[in-house]
PDB file of N, CA and C in Angstrom:
ATOM      1  N   UNK A   1       0.365  -0.519  12.515  1.00  0.00           N
ATOM      2  CA  UNK A   1       0.952  -0.664  13.717  1.00  0.00           C
ATOM      3  C   UNK A   1       0.196  -1.741  14.631  1.00  0.00           C
ATOM      4  N   UNK A   2       0.847  -2.509  15.417  1.00  0.00           N
ATOM      5  CA  UNK A   2       0.187  -3.446  16.171  1.00  0.00           C
ATOM      6  C   UNK A   2      -0.573  -2.876  17.282  1.00  0.00           C
ATOM      7  N   UNK A   3      -1.594  -3.579  17.666  1.00  0.00           N
ATOM      8  CA  UNK A   3      -2.558  -3.029  18.753  1.00  0.00           C
ATOM      9  C   UNK A   3      -2.623  -4.171  19.688  1.00  0.00           C
ATOM     10  N   UNK A   4      -2.386  -3.807  21.053  1.00  0.00           N
ATOM     11  CA  UNK A   4      -2.382  -4.753  22.249  1.00  0.00           C
ATOM     12  C   UNK A   4      -3.825  -5.333  22.252  1.00  0.00           C
ATOM     13  N   UNK A   5      -3.922  -6.663  22.439  1.00  0.00           N
ATOM     14  CA  UNK A   5      -5.296  -7.271  22.568  1.00  0.00           C
ATOM     15  C   UNK A   5      -5.922  -7.088  23.884  1.00  0.00           C
ATOM     16  N   UNK A   6      -5.097  -6.732  24.984  1.00  0.00           N
ATOM     17  CA  UNK A   6      -5.495  -6.529  26.280  1.00  0.00           C
ATOM     18  C   UNK A   6      -6.036  -5.123  26.555  1.00  0.00           C
ATOM     19  N   UNK A   7      -5.213  -4.161  26.218  1.00  0.00           N
ATOM     20  CA  UNK A   7      -5.638  -2.818  26.519  1.00  0.00           C
ATOM     21  C   UNK A   7      -6.043  -1.978  25.200  1.00  0.00           C
ATOM     22  N   UNK A   8      -6.028  -2.651  24.064  1.00  0.00           N
ATOM     23  CA  UNK A   8      -6.479  -2.107  22.736  1.00  0.00           C
ATOM     24  C   UNK A   8      -5.671  -0.836  22.531  1.00  0.00           C
ATOM     25  N   UNK A   9      -4.468  -0.681  22.914  1.00  0.00           N
ATOM     26  CA  UNK A   9      -3.685   0.589  22.543  1.00  0.00           C
ATOM     27  C   UNK A   9      -2.628   0.222  21.504  1.00  0.00           C
ATOM     28  N   UNK A  10      -2.585   1.172  20.550  1.00  0.00           N
ATOM     29  CA  UNK A  10      -1.712   1.009  19.295  1.00  0.00           C
ATOM     30  C   UNK A  10      -0.374   1.387  19.735  1.00  0.00           C
ATOM     31  N   UNK A  11       0.582   0.510  19.348  1.00  0.00           N
ATOM     32  CA  UNK A  11       2.004   0.688  19.668  1.00  0.00           C
ATOM     33  C   UNK A  11       2.532   1.690  18.642  1.00  0.00           C
ATOM     34  N   UNK A  12       3.549   2.405  19.089  1.00  0.00           N
ATOM     35  CA  UNK A  12       4.214   3.414  18.126  1.00  0.00           C
ATOM     36  C   UNK A  12       5.206   2.584  17.275  1.00  0.00           C
ATOM     37  N   UNK A  13       5.725   3.366  16.262  1.00  0.00           N
ATOM     38  CA  UNK A  13       6.718   2.825  15.441  1.00  0.00           C
ATOM     39  C   UNK A  13       8.081   2.294  16.062  1.00  0.00           C
ATOM     40  N   UNK A  14       8.480   3.307  16.936  1.00  0.00           N
ATOM     41  CA  UNK A  14       9.635   3.056  17.740  1.00  0.00           C
ATOM     42  C   UNK A  14       9.480   1.839  18.714  1.00  0.00           C
ATOM     43  N   UNK A  15       8.418   1.805  19.378  1.00  0.00           N
ATOM     44  CA  UNK A  15       8.091   0.761  20.236  1.00  0.00           C
ATOM     45  C   UNK A  15       8.128  -0.687  19.618  1.00  0.00           C
ATOM     46  N   UNK A  16       7.497  -0.741  18.448  1.00  0.00           N
ATOM     47  CA  UNK A  16       7.287  -1.874  17.650  1.00  0.00           C
ATOM     48  C   UNK A  16       8.789  -2.357  17.110  1.00  0.00           C
ATOM     49  N   UNK A  17       9.526  -1.395  16.714  1.00  0.00           N
ATOM     50  CA  UNK A  17      10.897  -1.783  16.291  1.00  0.00           C
ATOM     51  C   UNK A  17      11.735  -2.346  17.541  1.00  0.00           C
ATOM     52  N   UNK A  18      11.604  -1.638  18.634  1.00  0.00           N
ATOM     53  CA  UNK A  18      12.390  -2.106  19.773  1.00  0.00           C
ATOM     54  C   UNK A  18      11.880  -3.492  20.242  1.00  0.00           C
ATOM     55  N   UNK A  19      10.597  -3.808  20.223  1.00  0.00           N
ATOM     56  CA  UNK A  19      10.018  -4.996  20.766  1.00  0.00           C
ATOM     57  C   UNK A  19      10.222  -6.204  19.810  1.00  0.00           C
ATOM     58  N   UNK A  20      10.341  -5.958  18.399  1.00  0.00           N
ATOM     59  CA  UNK A  20      10.411  -7.052  17.509  1.00  0.00           C
ATOM     60  C   UNK A  20      11.874  -7.278  17.121  1.00  0.00           C
ATOM     61  N   UNK A  21      12.908  -6.555  17.637  1.00  0.00           N
ATOM     62  CA  UNK A  21      14.277  -6.752  17.222  1.00  0.00           C
ATOM     63  C   UNK A  21      14.994  -7.538  18.364  1.00  0.00           C
ATOM     64  N   UNK A  22      14.235  -8.157  19.228  1.00  0.00           N
ATOM     65  CA  UNK A  22      14.815  -9.112  20.200  1.00  0.00           C
ATOM     66  C   UNK A  22      14.740 -10.536  19.798  1.00  0.00           C
ATOM     67  N   UNK A  23      15.305 -11.425  20.416  1.00  0.00           N
ATOM     68  CA  UNK A  23      15.265 -12.869  20.128  1.00  0.00           C
ATOM     69  C   UNK A  23      14.090 -13.556  20.890  1.00  0.00           C
ATOM     70  N   UNK A  24      13.666 -12.781  22.019  1.00  0.00           N
ATOM     71  CA  UNK A  24      12.584 -13.373  22.806  1.00  0.00           C
ATOM     72  C   UNK A  24      11.252 -13.239  22.080  1.00  0.00           C
ATOM     73  N   UNK A  25      10.580 -14.206  21.917  1.00  0.00           N
ATOM     74  CA  UNK A  25       9.298 -14.187  21.095  1.00  0.00           C
ATOM     75  C   UNK A  25       8.209 -13.375  22.000  1.00  0.00           C
ATOM     76  N   UNK A  26       8.301 -13.335  23.221  1.00  0.00           N
ATOM     77  CA  UNK A  26       7.295 -12.630  24.058  1.00  0.00           C
ATOM     78  C   UNK A  26       7.716 -11.075  24.102  1.00  0.00           C
ATOM     79  N   UNK A  27       6.627 -10.247  23.838  1.00  0.00           N
ATOM     80  CA  UNK A  27       6.919  -8.832  23.854  1.00  0.00           C
ATOM     81  C   UNK A  27       5.961  -8.188  24.820  1.00  0.00           C
ATOM     82  N   UNK A  28       6.403  -7.543  25.717  1.00  0.00           N
ATOM     83  CA  UNK A  28       5.588  -6.990  26.846  1.00  0.00           C
ATOM     84  C   UNK A  28       5.083  -5.605  26.304  1.00  0.00           C
ATOM     85  N   UNK A  29       3.641  -5.419  26.418  1.00  0.00           N
ATOM     86  CA  UNK A  29       2.959  -4.271  26.039  1.00  0.00           C
ATOM     87  C   UNK A  29       3.603  -3.141  26.876  1.00  0.00           C
ATOM     88  N   UNK A  30       3.980  -2.021  26.278  1.00  0.00           N
ATOM     89  CA  UNK A  30       4.497  -0.901  26.919  1.00  0.00           C
ATOM     90  C   UNK A  30       3.405  -0.097  27.839  1.00  0.00           C
ATOM     91  N   UNK A  31       2.210  -0.394  27.532  1.00  0.00           N
ATOM     92  CA  UNK A  31       1.091   0.264  28.236  1.00  0.00           C
ATOM     93  C   UNK A  31       0.412  -0.584  29.451  1.00  0.00           C
ATOM     94  N   UNK A  32       0.186  -1.770  29.173  1.00  0.00           N
ATOM     95  CA  UNK A  32      -0.488  -2.600  30.165  1.00  0.00           C
ATOM     96  C   UNK A  32       0.445  -3.653  30.928  1.00  0.00           C
ATOM     97  N   UNK A  33       1.636  -3.939  30.236  1.00  0.00           N
ATOM     98  CA  UNK A  33       2.540  -4.871  30.739  1.00  0.00           C
ATOM     99  C   UNK A  33       2.223  -6.409  30.523  1.00  0.00           C
ATOM    100  N   UNK A  34       1.204  -6.707  29.766  1.00  0.00           N
ATOM    101  CA  UNK A  34       0.929  -8.000  29.388  1.00  0.00           C
ATOM    102  C   UNK A  34       1.840  -8.512  28.211  1.00  0.00           C
ATOM    103  N   UNK A  35       2.101  -9.833  28.232  1.00  0.00           N
ATOM    104  CA  UNK A  35       2.866 -10.351  27.105  1.00  0.00           C
ATOM    105  C   UNK A  35       2.152 -10.517  25.836  1.00  0.00           C
ATOM    106  N   UNK A  36       2.714 -10.152  24.753  1.00  0.00           N
ATOM    107  CA  UNK A  36       2.157 -10.276  23.432  1.00  0.00           C
ATOM    108  C   UNK A  36       3.059 -11.041  22.542  1.00  0.00           C
ATOM    109  N   UNK A  37       2.495 -11.688  21.547  1.00  0.00           N
ATOM    110  CA  UNK A  37       3.332 -12.485  20.596  1.00  0.00           C
ATOM    111  C   UNK A  37       3.000 -12.126  19.183  1.00  0.00           C
ATOM    112  N   UNK A  38       3.987 -12.022  18.252  1.00  0.00           N
ATOM    113  CA  UNK A  38       3.721 -11.837  16.898  1.00  0.00           C
ATOM    114  C   UNK A  38       2.979 -12.991  16.222  1.00  0.00           C
ATOM    115  N   UNK A  39       2.048 -12.744  15.420  1.00  0.00           N
ATOM    116  CA  UNK A  39       1.256 -13.856  14.836  1.00  0.00           C
ATOM    117  C   UNK A  39       2.091 -14.457  13.803  1.00  0.00           C
ATOM    118  N   UNK A  40       1.826 -15.754  13.523  1.00  0.00           N
ATOM    119  CA  UNK A  40       2.537 -16.512  12.462  1.00  0.00           C
ATOM    120  C   UNK A  40       2.285 -15.812  11.060  1.00  0.00           C
ATOM    121  N   UNK A  41       1.079 -15.448  10.872  1.00  0.00           N
ATOM    122  CA  UNK A  41       0.768 -14.861   9.524  1.00  0.00           C
ATOM    123  C   UNK A  41       1.652 -13.611   9.414  1.00  0.00           C
ATOM    124  N   UNK A  42       1.837 -12.732  10.394  1.00  0.00           N
ATOM    125  CA  UNK A  42       2.662 -11.582  10.365  1.00  0.00           C
ATOM    126  C   UNK A  42       4.193 -11.935  10.113  1.00  0.00           C
ATOM    127  N   UNK A  43       4.645 -13.077  10.819  1.00  0.00           N
ATOM    128  CA  UNK A  43       6.093 -13.411  10.620  1.00  0.00           C
ATOM    129  C   UNK A  43       6.288 -13.977   9.186  1.00  0.00           C
ATOM    130  N   UNK A  44       5.399 -14.639   8.634  1.00  0.00           N
ATOM    131  CA  UNK A  44       5.605 -15.126   7.244  1.00  0.00           C
ATOM    132  C   UNK A  44       5.536 -14.056   6.218  1.00  0.00           C
ATOM    133  N   UNK A  45       4.689 -13.086   6.412  1.00  0.00           N
ATOM    134  CA  UNK A  45       4.621 -12.059   5.525  1.00  0.00           C
ATOM    135  C   UNK A  45       5.855 -11.036   5.514  1.00  0.00           C
ATOM    136  N   UNK A  46       6.362 -10.818   6.702  1.00  0.00           N
ATOM    137  CA  UNK A  46       7.543 -10.188   6.831  1.00  0.00           C
ATOM    138  C   UNK A  46       8.884 -10.898   6.242  1.00  0.00           C
ATOM    139  N   UNK A  47       8.874 -12.218   6.502  1.00  0.00           N
ATOM    140  CA  UNK A  47       9.933 -13.073   5.946  1.00  0.00           C
ATOM    141  C   UNK A  47       9.858 -13.099   4.448  1.00  0.00           C
ATOM    142  N   UNK A  48       8.737 -13.062   3.833  1.00  0.00           N
ATOM    143  CA  UNK A  48       8.575 -13.194   2.450  1.00  0.00           C
ATOM    144  C   UNK A  48       9.222 -11.925   1.704  1.00  0.00           C
ATOM    145  N   UNK A  49       9.555 -10.901   2.321  1.00  0.00           N
ATOM    146  CA  UNK A  49      10.187  -9.840   1.645  1.00  0.00           C
ATOM    147  C   UNK A  49      11.564 -10.097   1.274  1.00  0.00           C
ATOM    148  N   UNK A  50      12.227 -11.060   1.893  1.00  0.00           N
ATOM    149  CA  UNK A  50      13.769 -11.266   1.803  1.00  0.00           C
ATOM    150  C   UNK A  50      13.943 -11.757   0.324  1.00  0.00           C
ATOM    151  N   UNK A  51      13.239 -12.736  -0.192  1.00  0.00           N
ATOM    152  CA  UNK A  51      13.497 -13.193  -1.613  1.00  0.00           C
ATOM    153  C   UNK A  51      13.248 -12.108  -2.658  1.00  0.00           C
ATOM    154  N   UNK A  52      12.296 -11.175  -2.325  1.00  0.00           N
ATOM    155  CA  UNK A  52      11.986 -10.108  -3.163  1.00  0.00           C
ATOM    156  C   UNK A  52      13.128  -9.151  -3.376  1.00  0.00           C
ATOM    157  N   UNK A  53      13.755  -8.952  -2.168  1.00  0.00           N
ATOM    158  CA  UNK A  53      15.047  -8.095  -2.182  1.00  0.00           C
ATOM    159  C   UNK A  53      16.075  -8.649  -3.097  1.00  0.00           C
ATOM    160  N   UNK A  54      16.363 -10.032  -3.065  1.00  0.00           N
ATOM    161  CA  UNK A  54      17.340 -10.592  -3.751  1.00  0.00           C
ATOM    162  C   UNK A  54      17.056 -10.877  -5.251  1.00  0.00           C
ATOM    163  N   UNK A  55      15.858 -10.805  -5.594  1.00  0.00           N
ATOM    164  CA  UNK A  55      15.319 -11.184  -7.071  1.00  0.00           C
ATOM    165  C   UNK A  55      15.977 -10.429  -8.018  1.00  0.00           C
ATOM    166  N   UNK A  56      16.370  -9.120  -8.028  1.00  0.00           N
ATOM    167  CA  UNK A  56      16.906  -8.379  -9.166  1.00  0.00           C
ATOM    168  C   UNK A  56      18.363  -9.000  -9.573  1.00  0.00           C
ATOM    169  N   UNK A  57      19.094  -9.603  -8.607  1.00  0.00           N
ATOM    170  CA  UNK A  57      20.398 -10.142  -8.943  1.00  0.00           C
ATOM    171  C   UNK A  57      20.263 -11.374  -9.857  1.00  0.00           C
ATOM    172  N   UNK A  58      19.211 -12.017  -9.893  1.00  0.00           N
ATOM    173  CA  UNK A  58      19.016 -13.219 -10.805  1.00  0.00           C
ATOM    174  C   UNK A  58      18.795 -12.794 -12.263  1.00  0.00           C
ATOM    175  N   UNK A  59      18.268 -11.646 -12.501  1.00  0.00           N
ATOM    176  CA  UNK A  59      17.979 -11.244 -13.837  1.00  0.00           C
ATOM    177  C   UNK A  59      18.982 -10.283 -14.498  1.00  0.00           C
ATOM    178  N   UNK A  60      19.545  -9.372 -13.607  1.00  0.00           N
ATOM    179  CA  UNK A  60      20.415  -8.392 -14.104  1.00  0.00           C
ATOM    180  C   UNK A  60      21.771  -8.375 -13.390  1.00  0.00           C
ATOM    181  N   UNK A  61      23.009  -8.295 -14.118  1.00  0.00           N
ATOM    182  CA  UNK A  61      24.148  -8.185 -13.478  1.00  0.00           C
ATOM    183  C   UNK A  61      24.444  -6.721 -13.127  1.00  0.00           C
ATOM    184  N   UNK A  62      24.250  -6.432 -11.846  1.00  0.00           N
ATOM    185  CA  UNK A  62      24.203  -5.046 -11.352  1.00  0.00           C
ATOM    186  C   UNK A  62      25.598  -4.673 -10.787  1.00  0.00           C
ATOM    187  N   UNK A  63      26.387  -5.675 -10.296  1.00  0.00           N
ATOM    188  CA  UNK A  63      27.614  -5.177  -9.701  1.00  0.00           C
ATOM    189  C   UNK A  63      27.473  -4.472  -8.482  1.00  0.00           C
ATOM    190  N   UNK A  64      28.155  -3.235  -8.541  1.00  0.00           N
ATOM    191  CA  UNK A  64      28.308  -2.401  -7.287  1.00  0.00           C
ATOM    192  C   UNK A  64      26.858  -1.759  -7.104  1.00  0.00           C
ATOM    193  N   UNK A  65      26.039  -1.645  -8.168  1.00  0.00           N
ATOM    194  CA  UNK A  65      24.762  -1.092  -7.994  1.00  0.00           C
ATOM    195  C   UNK A  65      23.942  -1.964  -7.245  1.00  0.00           C
ATOM    196  N   UNK A  66      24.119  -3.260  -7.134  1.00  0.00           N
ATOM    197  CA  UNK A  66      23.375  -4.163  -6.480  1.00  0.00           C
ATOM    198  C   UNK A  66      23.559  -3.930  -4.925  1.00  0.00           C
ATOM    199  N   UNK A  67      24.757  -3.578  -4.577  1.00  0.00           N
ATOM    200  CA  UNK A  67      25.044  -3.300  -3.102  1.00  0.00           C
ATOM    201  C   UNK A  67      24.327  -2.060  -2.701  1.00  0.00           C
ATOM    202  N   UNK A  68      24.241  -1.023  -3.528  1.00  0.00           N
ATOM    203  CA  UNK A  68      23.425   0.252  -3.035  1.00  0.00           C
ATOM    204  C   UNK A  68      22.002  -0.157  -2.973  1.00  0.00           C
ATOM    205  N   UNK A  69      21.565  -0.871  -4.164  1.00  0.00           N
ATOM    206  CA  UNK A  69      20.121  -1.251  -4.164  1.00  0.00           C
ATOM    207  C   UNK A  69      19.795  -2.085  -3.052  1.00  0.00           C
ATOM    208  N   UNK A  70      20.501  -3.063  -2.675  1.00  0.00           N
ATOM    209  CA  UNK A  70      20.308  -4.018  -1.534  1.00  0.00           C
ATOM    210  C   UNK A  70      20.278  -3.193  -0.241  1.00  0.00           C
ATOM    211  N   UNK A  71      21.224  -2.202  -0.024  1.00  0.00           N
ATOM    212  CA  UNK A  71      21.154  -1.414   1.224  1.00  0.00           C
ATOM    213  C   UNK A  71      19.841  -0.676   1.361  1.00  0.00           C
ATOM    214  N   UNK A  72      19.373  -0.017   0.231  1.00  0.00           N
ATOM    215  CA  UNK A  72      18.211   0.814   0.196  1.00  0.00           C
ATOM    216  C   UNK A  72      16.976  -0.055   0.456  1.00  0.00           C
ATOM    217  N   UNK A  73      16.878  -1.217  -0.196  1.00  0.00           N
ATOM    218  CA  UNK A  73      15.781  -2.114   0.169  1.00  0.00           C
ATOM    219  C   UNK A  73      15.648  -2.669   1.520  1.00  0.00           C
ATOM    220  N   UNK A  74      16.958  -2.919   2.124  1.00  0.00           N
ATOM    221  CA  UNK A  74      16.930  -3.286   3.551  1.00  0.00           C
ATOM    222  C   UNK A  74      16.384  -2.266   4.408  1.00  0.00           C
ATOM    223  N   UNK A  75      16.853  -1.010   4.222  1.00  0.00           N
ATOM    224  CA  UNK A  75      16.433   0.083   5.007  1.00  0.00           C
ATOM    225  C   UNK A  75      14.815   0.291   4.841  1.00  0.00           C
ATOM    226  N   UNK A  76      14.267   0.250   3.647  1.00  0.00           N
ATOM    227  CA  UNK A  76      12.923   0.290   3.429  1.00  0.00           C
ATOM    228  C   UNK A  76      12.132  -0.815   4.206  1.00  0.00           C
ATOM    229  N   UNK A  77      12.683  -1.939   4.161  1.00  0.00           N
ATOM    230  CA  UNK A  77      12.004  -3.157   4.872  1.00  0.00           C
ATOM    231  C   UNK A  77      12.029  -2.836   6.315  1.00  0.00           C
ATOM    232  N   UNK A  78      13.098  -2.395   6.935  1.00  0.00           N
ATOM    233  CA  UNK A  78      13.147  -2.044   8.313  1.00  0.00           C
ATOM    234  C   UNK A  78      12.174  -0.865   8.621  1.00  0.00           C
ATOM    235  N   UNK A  79      12.250   0.207   7.802  1.00  0.00           N
ATOM    236  CA  UNK A  79      11.253   1.231   8.006  1.00  0.00           C
ATOM    237  C   UNK A  79       9.812   0.892   8.107  1.00  0.00           C
ATOM    238  N   UNK A  80       9.390   0.027   7.165  1.00  0.00           N
ATOM    239  CA  UNK A  80       7.996  -0.381   6.949  1.00  0.00           C
ATOM    240  C   UNK A  80       7.585  -1.564   7.716  1.00  0.00           C
ATOM    241  N   UNK A  81       8.411  -2.266   8.314  1.00  0.00           N
ATOM    242  CA  UNK A  81       8.148  -3.561   9.057  1.00  0.00           C
ATOM    243  C   UNK A  81       7.168  -3.274  10.101  1.00  0.00           C
ATOM    244  N   UNK A  82       7.236  -2.338  10.941  1.00  0.00           N
ATOM    245  CA  UNK A  82       6.189  -2.201  12.016  1.00  0.00           C
ATOM    246  C   UNK A  82       4.780  -1.977  11.544  1.00  0.00           C
ATOM    247  N   UNK A  83       4.560  -1.508  10.370  1.00  0.00           N
ATOM    248  CA  UNK A  83       3.263  -1.383   9.859  1.00  0.00           C
ATOM    249  C   UNK A  83       2.483  -2.814   9.397  1.00  0.00           C
ATOM    250  N   UNK A  84       3.434  -3.791   9.309  1.00  0.00           N
ATOM    251  CA  UNK A  84       2.855  -5.065   9.027  1.00  0.00           C
ATOM    252  C   UNK A  84       2.819  -6.107  10.101  1.00  0.00           C
ATOM    253  N   UNK A  85       3.334  -5.710  11.349  1.00  0.00           N
ATOM    254  CA  UNK A  85       3.315  -6.519  12.466  1.00  0.00           C
ATOM    255  C   UNK A  85       2.026  -6.594  13.156  1.00  0.00           C
ATOM    256  N   UNK A  86       1.503  -7.839  13.384  1.00  0.00           N
ATOM    257  CA  UNK A  86       0.217  -8.037  14.145  1.00  0.00           C
ATOM    258  C   UNK A  86       0.535  -8.906  15.331  1.00  0.00           C
ATOM    259  N   UNK A  87       0.017  -8.548  16.500  1.00  0.00           N
ATOM    260  CA  UNK A  87       0.199  -9.325  17.707  1.00  0.00           C
ATOM    261  C   UNK A  87      -0.994  -9.989  18.274  1.00  0.00           C
ATOM    262  N   UNK A  88      -0.750 -10.881  19.114  1.00  0.00           N
ATOM    263  CA  UNK A  88      -1.869 -11.742  19.732  1.00  0.00           C
ATOM    264  C   UNK A  88      -1.466 -12.067  21.034  1.00  0.00           C
ATOM    265  N   UNK A  89      -2.387 -12.420  22.024  1.00  0.00           N
ATOM    266  CA  UNK A  89      -2.225 -12.824  23.269  1.00  0.00           C
ATOM    267  C   UNK A  89      -1.555 -14.223  23.479  1.00  0.00           C
ATOM    268  N   UNK A  90      -1.809 -15.049  22.433  1.00  0.00           N
ATOM    269  CA  UNK A  90      -1.418 -16.425  22.600  1.00  0.00           C
ATOM    270  C   UNK A  90      -0.220 -16.619  21.617  1.00  0.00           C
ATOM    271  N   UNK A  91       0.719 -17.417  21.972  1.00  0.00           N
ATOM    272  CA  UNK A  91       1.868 -17.872  21.202  1.00  0.00           C
ATOM    273  C   UNK A  91       1.479 -19.081  20.300  1.00  0.00           C
ATOM    274  N   UNK A  92       1.710 -18.974  19.118  1.00  0.00           N
ATOM    275  CA  UNK A  92       1.301 -19.987  18.153  1.00  0.00           C
ATOM    276  C   UNK A  92       2.491 -20.352  17.324  1.00  0.00           C
ATOM    277  N   UNK A  93       2.670 -21.653  16.960  1.00  0.00           N
ATOM    278  CA  UNK A  93       3.650 -22.126  16.106  1.00  0.00           C
ATOM    279  C   UNK A  93       3.160 -22.809  14.769  1.00  0.00           C
ATOM    280  N   UNK A  94       3.825 -22.797  13.809  1.00  0.00           N
ATOM    281  CA  UNK A  94       3.429 -23.502  12.592  1.00  0.00           C
ATOM    282  C   UNK A  94       3.762 -24.981  12.656  1.00  0.00           C
ATOM    283  N   UNK A  95       2.801 -25.866  12.636  1.00  0.00           N
ATOM    284  CA  UNK A  95       2.955 -27.202  12.672  1.00  0.00           C
ATOM    285  C   UNK A  95       3.197 -27.832  11.329  1.00  0.00           C
ATOM    286  N   UNK A  96       4.458 -28.164  10.866  1.00  0.00           N
ATOM    287  CA  UNK A  96       4.676 -28.675   9.637  1.00  0.00           C
ATOM    288  C   UNK A  96       4.138 -30.129   9.418  1.00  0.00           C
ATOM    289  N   UNK A  97       3.965 -30.833  10.585  1.00  0.00           N
ATOM    290  CA  UNK A  97       3.807 -32.125  10.486  1.00  0.00           C
ATOM    291  C   UNK A  97       2.266 -32.506  10.622  1.00  0.00           C
ATOM    292  N   UNK A  98       1.450 -31.615  10.904  1.00  0.00           N
ATOM    293  CA  UNK A  98       0.029 -31.857  10.948  1.00  0.00           C
ATOM    294  C   UNK A  98      -0.541 -31.874   9.513  1.00  0.00           C
ATOM    295  N   UNK A  99      -1.507 -32.912   9.366  1.00  0.00           N
ATOM    296  CA  UNK A  99      -2.083 -32.974   7.990  1.00  0.00           C
ATOM    297  C   UNK A  99      -3.460 -32.227   7.955  1.00  0.00           C
TER     298      UNK A  99
END
């Protein structure tokens, strides 16, 4: 679970789901009110789960079983996502053009 860098309080699972499911990159700490941002490392780790979910379809023709498997894997990703979220005081972007 993420821990606020200002007040060092660990967020709950429900708070983390609520804060990370918005389009606004700034997440306000529910305890101290300071803005927090998800780290780029955390964002890329969470996004790397998507290809893993789709991988079985390339090797096995699963048909309707794939729909069930896909639904279960999506639910598992949503349930475990808060455990992988890391937050920081500073907003950082990946600079693809920097050498």
